[in-house]
C-alpha atoms as a PDB file:
ATOM      1  CA  MET A   1     -33.701  63.434-151.247  1.00  0.00           C
ATOM      2  CA  ALA A   2     -32.470  59.910-151.509  1.00  0.00           C
ATOM      3  CA  ILE A   3     -34.336  56.541-151.364  1.00  0.00           C
ATOM      4  CA  VAL A   4     -33.046  53.875-149.001  1.00  0.00           C
ATOM      5  CA  ASN A   5     -34.763  50.480-148.701  1.00  0.00           C
ATOM      6  CA  ILE A   6     -35.055  48.529-145.506  1.00  0.00           C
ATOM      7  CA  GLY A   7     -32.761  45.882-146.830  1.00  0.00           C
ATOM      8  CA  ASP A   8     -29.906  48.300-147.065  1.00  0.00           C
ATOM      9  CA  LEU A   9     -30.489  49.329-143.594  1.00  0.00           C
ATOM     10  CA  LEU A  10     -30.563  45.708-142.356  1.00  0.00           C
ATOM     11  CA  ASP A  11     -27.368  44.860-144.334  1.00  0.00           C
ATOM     12  CA  ARG A  12     -25.586  47.959-142.831  1.00  0.00           C
ATOM     13  CA  ALA A  13     -26.830  47.026-139.327  1.00  0.00           C
ATOM     14  CA  SER A  14     -25.581  43.473-139.673  1.00  0.00           C
ATOM     15  CA  ASP A  15     -22.275  44.597-141.081  1.00  0.00           C
ATOM     16  CA  PHE A  16     -21.920  46.893-137.931  1.00  0.00           C
ATOM     17  CA  GLU A  17     -22.905  44.079-135.556  1.00  0.00           C
ATOM     18  CA  ARG A  18     -20.189  41.847-137.186  1.00  0.00           C
ATOM     19  CA  ARG A  19     -17.557  44.635-136.778  1.00  0.00           C
ATOM     20  CA  LEU A  20     -18.647  45.409-133.183  1.00  0.00           C
ATOM     21  CA  GLU A  21     -18.440  41.651-132.344  1.00  0.00           C
ATOM     22  CA  GLN A  22     -14.936  41.533-133.719  1.00  0.00           C
ATOM     23  CA  TYR A  23     -13.943  44.524-131.740  1.00  0.00           C
ATOM     24  CA  TYR A  24     -15.178  42.990-128.543  1.00  0.00           C
ATOM     25  CA  VAL A  25     -13.480  39.638-129.338  1.00  0.00           C
ATOM     26  CA  GLU A  26     -10.116  41.667-129.842  1.00  0.00           C
ATOM     27  CA  ILE A  27     -10.431  43.288-126.504  1.00  0.00           C
ATOM     28  CA  ARG A  28     -11.341  40.142-124.759  1.00  0.00           C
ATOM     29  CA  ASP A  29      -8.374  38.284-126.298  1.00  0.00           C
ATOM     30  CA  GLN A  30      -5.980  41.048-125.265  1.00  0.00           C
ATOM     31  CA  SER A  31      -7.083  41.671-121.701  1.00  0.00           C
ATOM     32  CA  LYS A  32      -5.619  39.989-118.626  1.00  0.00           C
ATOM     33  CA  ASP A  33      -8.592  41.149-116.332  1.00  0.00           C
ATOM     34  CA  ASN A  34     -11.194  38.454-115.978  1.00  0.00           C
ATOM     35  CA  GLY A  35     -13.967  41.030-115.509  1.00  0.00           C
ATOM     36  CA  VAL A  36     -13.184  42.697-118.718  1.00  0.00           C
ATOM     37  CA  ARG A  37     -12.887  39.373-120.474  1.00  0.00           C
ATOM     38  CA  LEU A  38     -16.335  38.231-119.132  1.00  0.00           C
ATOM     39  CA  LEU A  39     -17.963  41.556-120.068  1.00  0.00           C
ATOM     40  CA  THR A  40     -16.588  41.609-123.659  1.00  0.00           C
ATOM     41  CA  TYR A  41     -17.458  38.040-124.112  1.00  0.00           C
ATOM     42  CA  TYR A  42     -21.077  38.884-123.187  1.00  0.00           C
ATOM     43  CA  PHE A  43     -20.947  41.942-125.534  1.00  0.00           C
ATOM     44  CA  SER A  44     -19.641  40.129-128.359  1.00  0.00           C
ATOM     45  CA  ARG A  45     -22.382  37.438-128.207  1.00  0.00           C
ATOM     46  CA  HIS A  46     -24.859  40.247-127.569  1.00  0.00           C
ATOM     47  CA  CYS A  47     -24.315  41.498-131.214  1.00  0.00           C
ATOM     48  CA  ARG A  48     -26.217  38.544-132.715  1.00  0.00           C
ATOM     49  CA  HIS A  49     -29.777  40.039-132.105  1.00  0.00           C
ATOM     50  CA  LEU A  50     -30.661  40.926-135.605  1.00  0.00           C
ATOM     51  CA  PRO A  51     -30.289  37.528-137.157  1.00  0.00           C
ATOM     52  CA  GLU A  52     -32.140  35.926-134.228  1.00  0.00           C
ATOM     53  CA  VAL A  53     -35.108  38.288-134.693  1.00  0.00           C
ATOM     54  CA  LEU A  54     -35.181  37.890-138.356  1.00  0.00           C
ATOM     55  CA  LYS A  55     -35.190  33.995-138.323  1.00  0.00           C
ATOM     56  CA  GLU A  56     -38.630  34.236-136.723  1.00  0.00           C
ATOM     57  CA  TYR A  57     -40.187  35.407-139.986  1.00  0.00           C
ATOM     58  CA  SER A  58     -40.816  33.671-143.120  1.00  0.00           C
ATOM     59  CA  PRO A  59     -38.636  34.384-146.205  1.00  0.00           C
ATOM     60  CA  GLN A  60     -41.567  36.008-147.849  1.00  0.00           C
ATOM     61  CA  VAL A  61     -42.139  38.323-145.083  1.00  0.00           C
ATOM     62  CA  ILE A  62     -38.432  39.229-144.917  1.00  0.00           C
ATOM     63  CA  GLU A  63     -38.258  39.891-148.556  1.00  0.00           C
ATOM     64  CA  ASN A  64     -41.352  42.170-148.481  1.00  0.00           C
ATOM     65  CA  VAL A  65     -39.994  44.111-145.433  1.00  0.00           C
ATOM     66  CA  ARG A  66     -36.508  44.409-147.054  1.00  0.00           C
ATOM     67  CA  SER A  67     -38.108  45.960-150.250  1.00  0.00           C
ATOM     68  CA  ILE A  68     -39.857  48.680-148.405  1.00  0.00           C
ATOM     69  CA  GLU A  69     -38.379  52.028-149.602  1.00  0.00           C
ATOM     70  CA  LEU A  70     -37.859  55.108-147.283  1.00  0.00           C
ATOM     71  CA  LYS A  71     -37.562  58.688-148.398  1.00  0.00           C
ATOM     72  CA  ARG A  72     -34.878  60.698-146.563  1.00  0.00           C
ATOM     73  CA  ASP A  73     -33.597  64.242-146.979  1.00  0.00           C
ATOM     74  CA  ASN A  74     -30.561  64.254-144.922  1.00  0.00           C
ATOM     75  CA  PRO A  75     -27.245  62.357-146.034  1.00  0.00           C
ATOM     76  CA  PHE A  76     -27.097  58.661-144.816  1.00  0.00           C
ATOM     77  CA  ILE A  77     -23.298  58.169-143.943  1.00  0.00           C
ATOM     78  CA  PRO A  78     -23.312  55.648-141.162  1.00  0.00           C
ATOM     79  CA  GLU A  79     -19.375  55.457-141.167  1.00  0.00           C
ATOM     80  CA  THR A  80     -19.279  58.983-139.660  1.00  0.00           C
END
């Protein structure tokens, strides 16, 4: 059994969103199709939801939430 705190999960989610945004930007920049360019532009901007949601809370609330610990029995390997 492992202990993971919410802060670790939020950090991993933010990292994933940054990588996904970059992925869509690369597709947009390489495509000559305007529909693909528009869609990937939208998707790349859509990846910014986590920071937008978190900015609505005070730093104290965010700190408290990030410190919550979760017990889990299965391996947590988001890369797979």
